[in-house]
Amino acid sequence: MTSPPSAGTARPSLSHLLRVTAFAIGALLLLVTVGVVLHQPLLIPPLAASAALVHGAPGLPLAQPRNLVGGHLISALIGFATLAVAGSSAWGAAVAAGLSLGAMMLTHLAHAPATATAFIVVLQSPDPVTFLPLLALGSCLLVAIGLLPGRIAGHPVRYPVAW
């Protein structure tokens, strides 16, 4: 015997589901294009997780622009600092991810997908001069595309809830 679904698990309408899916695909295709053209495809996985938050849970604090952009940037900086101190290794990447979580919590910039940004920086050793502006651009593009669904009638949550 199964229990009835709770209010938090209500299914979205088909039109909402299709709209969210279409905007998420559009955002990810744009990010992949930028990442491939600039030879930084590994930047895409953490931003894909961010897109899932922006489009799938736009009301969560983790999805808000300040957290999304700030969380990725602070995590990248911690990744580069860890890389400089410990070098590139899976162990260093794990430490960088953990440190980035602590730093995001301390600065009120919590954005869970950004821990992967720190991890990738340590494992891949990208050029910071290329990587950081691209990360900022990708994060800002996600925010800009996230603004669009809320401007369409019938979308239940306007994004962002807070800047």
Protein backbone atom coordinates (compact mmCIF):
# COMPACT_ATOMS: atom_id res chain seq x y z
CA MET A 1 0.00 0.00 0.00
CA THR A 2 1.41 3.39 -0.97
CA SER A 3 0.81 6.65 0.80
CA PRO A 4 -0.85 9.54 -1.03
CA PRO A 5 1.46 12.17 -2.52
CA SER A 6 2.16 15.17 -0.31
CA ALA A 7 1.47 18.74 -1.35
CA GLY A 8 5.18 19.16 -2.14
CA THR A 9 5.08 16.43 -4.79
CA ALA A 10 2.20 17.73 -6.90
CA ARG A 11 2.83 17.16 -10.57
CA PRO A 12 3.31 20.23 -12.74
CA SER A 13 0.94 20.86 -15.62
CA LEU A 14 2.02 19.53 -19.01
CA SER A 15 2.39 23.06 -20.41
CA HIS A 16 4.60 24.08 -17.47
CA LEU A 17 6.70 20.95 -17.82
CA LEU A 18 7.19 21.52 -21.56
CA ARG A 19 8.03 25.21 -21.07
CA VAL A 20 10.60 24.51 -18.33
CA THR A 21 12.16 21.71 -20.37
CA ALA A 22 12.38 23.87 -23.50
CA PHE A 23 14.02 26.77 -21.66
CA ALA A 24 16.48 24.44 -19.90
CA ILE A 25 17.44 22.84 -23.22
CA GLY A 26 17.87 26.28 -24.80
CA ALA A 27 20.08 27.45 -21.93
CA LEU A 28 22.21 24.30 -22.06
CA LEU A 29 22.61 24.42 -25.85
CA LEU A 30 23.80 28.02 -25.57
CA LEU A 31 26.26 27.09 -22.80
CA VAL A 32 27.56 24.10 -24.74
CA THR A 33 28.08 26.31 -27.80
CA VAL A 34 30.06 28.85 -25.79
CA GLY A 35 32.04 26.11 -24.00
CA VAL A 36 32.93 24.26 -27.19
CA VAL A 37 33.84 27.41 -29.14
CA LEU A 38 36.12 28.56 -26.30
CA HIS A 39 37.50 25.04 -25.67
CA GLN A 40 36.12 24.77 -22.12
CA PRO A 41 33.51 21.96 -22.34
CA LEU A 42 34.18 20.81 -18.76
CA LEU A 43 32.63 24.03 -17.53
CA ILE A 44 29.25 22.75 -18.71
CA PRO A 45 28.43 20.04 -16.08
CA PRO A 46 28.29 22.36 -13.04
CA LEU A 47 26.37 24.94 -15.08
CA ALA A 48 23.97 22.21 -16.25
CA ALA A 49 23.20 21.47 -12.60
CA SER A 50 22.69 25.21 -12.06
CA ALA A 51 20.27 25.30 -15.01
CA ALA A 52 18.29 22.48 -13.40
CA LEU A 53 17.89 24.62 -10.28
CA VAL A 54 17.01 27.82 -12.16
CA HIS A 55 14.39 26.15 -14.33
CA GLY A 56 13.23 23.31 -12.09
CA ALA A 57 13.19 25.09 -8.72
CA PRO A 58 13.34 28.84 -9.43
CA GLY A 59 12.04 29.76 -5.98
CA LEU A 60 14.83 28.07 -4.02
CA PRO A 61 17.49 30.28 -2.45
CA LEU A 62 20.17 28.12 -4.15
CA ALA A 63 18.80 29.14 -7.56
CA GLN A 64 18.88 32.90 -7.02
CA PRO A 65 21.28 35.00 -9.16
CA ARG A 66 23.50 36.15 -6.30
CA ASN A 67 24.04 32.57 -5.18
CA LEU A 68 24.45 31.15 -8.68
CA VAL A 69 26.99 33.67 -9.96
CA GLY A 70 28.73 34.29 -6.63
CA GLY A 71 28.84 30.61 -5.71
CA HIS A 72 30.49 29.60 -8.98
CA LEU A 73 33.02 32.43 -8.87
CA ILE A 74 34.05 31.90 -5.24
CA SER A 75 34.32 28.16 -5.86
CA ALA A 76 36.52 28.71 -8.91
CA LEU A 77 38.79 31.04 -6.93
CA ILE A 78 39.09 28.45 -4.17
CA GLY A 79 39.82 25.83 -6.81
CA PHE A 80 42.64 27.93 -8.26
CA ALA A 81 44.05 28.63 -4.77
CA THR A 82 43.94 24.92 -3.90
CA LEU A 83 45.56 24.08 -7.23
CA ALA A 84 48.40 26.53 -6.49
CA VAL A 85 49.01 25.05 -3.04
CA ALA A 86 48.37 21.33 -3.56
CA GLY A 87 48.63 20.76 -7.31
CA SER A 88 46.24 18.82 -9.48
CA SER A 89 44.93 15.63 -7.89
CA ALA A 90 41.65 14.02 -6.98
CA TRP A 91 42.53 14.57 -3.30
CA GLY A 92 43.11 18.28 -3.86
CA ALA A 93 39.89 18.50 -5.87
CA ALA A 94 37.93 16.97 -2.98
CA VAL A 95 39.49 19.44 -0.55
CA ALA A 96 38.71 22.36 -2.90
CA ALA A 97 35.08 21.27 -3.22
CA GLY A 98 34.72 21.04 0.55
CA LEU A 99 36.42 24.39 1.11
CA SER A 100 34.17 25.99 -1.51
CA LEU A 101 31.09 24.71 0.29
CA GLY A 102 32.32 26.25 3.54
CA ALA A 103 33.17 29.54 1.83
CA MET A 104 29.78 29.71 0.13
CA MET A 105 28.02 29.13 3.43
CA LEU A 106 30.18 31.74 5.16
CA THR A 107 29.46 34.35 2.47
CA HIS A 108 25.76 33.42 2.09
CA LEU A 109 26.35 32.39 -1.52
CA ALA A 110 25.30 28.75 -1.22
CA HIS A 111 24.93 27.10 -4.62
CA ALA A 112 25.53 23.34 -4.47
CA PRO A 113 26.49 22.86 -8.16
CA ALA A 114 29.38 25.29 -7.66
CA THR A 115 31.29 22.72 -5.60
CA ALA A 116 31.80 20.88 -8.89
CA THR A 117 33.39 24.03 -10.32
CA ALA A 118 36.10 23.93 -7.64
CA PHE A 119 36.58 20.21 -8.30
CA ILE A 120 36.96 20.74 -12.06
CA VAL A 121 39.43 23.60 -11.62
CA VAL A 122 41.75 21.45 -9.52
CA LEU A 123 41.49 18.39 -11.78
CA GLN A 124 41.77 20.20 -15.11
CA SER A 125 44.05 23.18 -14.30
CA PRO A 126 42.37 25.54 -16.78
CA ASP A 127 43.84 28.93 -17.62
CA PRO A 128 42.20 31.33 -15.13
CA VAL A 129 42.31 34.20 -17.64
CA THR A 130 40.00 32.21 -19.93
CA PHE A 131 38.09 30.16 -17.38
CA LEU A 132 36.91 32.87 -14.96
CA PRO A 133 35.34 35.21 -17.55
CA LEU A 134 33.72 32.24 -19.27
CA LEU A 135 32.34 31.02 -15.96
CA ALA A 136 30.97 34.51 -15.21
CA LEU A 137 29.46 34.70 -18.71
CA GLY A 138 27.88 31.24 -18.43
CA SER A 139 26.44 32.01 -15.00
CA CYS A 140 25.01 35.33 -16.18
CA LEU A 141 23.52 33.68 -19.28
CA LEU A 142 21.75 31.17 -17.03
CA VAL A 143 20.29 34.02 -14.99
CA ALA A 144 19.22 35.92 -18.15
CA ILE A 145 17.54 32.86 -19.67
CA GLY A 146 16.00 32.07 -16.28
CA LEU A 147 14.20 35.41 -16.41
CA LEU A 148 12.27 34.47 -19.55
CA PRO A 149 9.81 31.75 -18.38
CA GLY A 150 8.48 33.93 -15.55
CA ARG A 151 7.50 36.56 -18.08
CA ILE A 152 5.21 34.09 -19.82
CA ALA A 153 1.65 33.81 -18.51
CA GLY A 154 0.97 30.66 -16.54
CA HIS A 155 4.43 30.19 -15.06
CA PRO A 156 3.88 29.67 -11.31
CA VAL A 157 7.10 31.29 -10.02
CA ARG A 158 8.80 34.44 -11.22
CA TYR A 159 12.55 34.24 -11.30
CA PRO A 160 14.38 35.59 -9.48
CA VAL A 161 12.64 35.70 -6.13
CA ALA A 162 15.54 37.81 -4.80
CA TRP A 163 18.65 39.30 -6.36
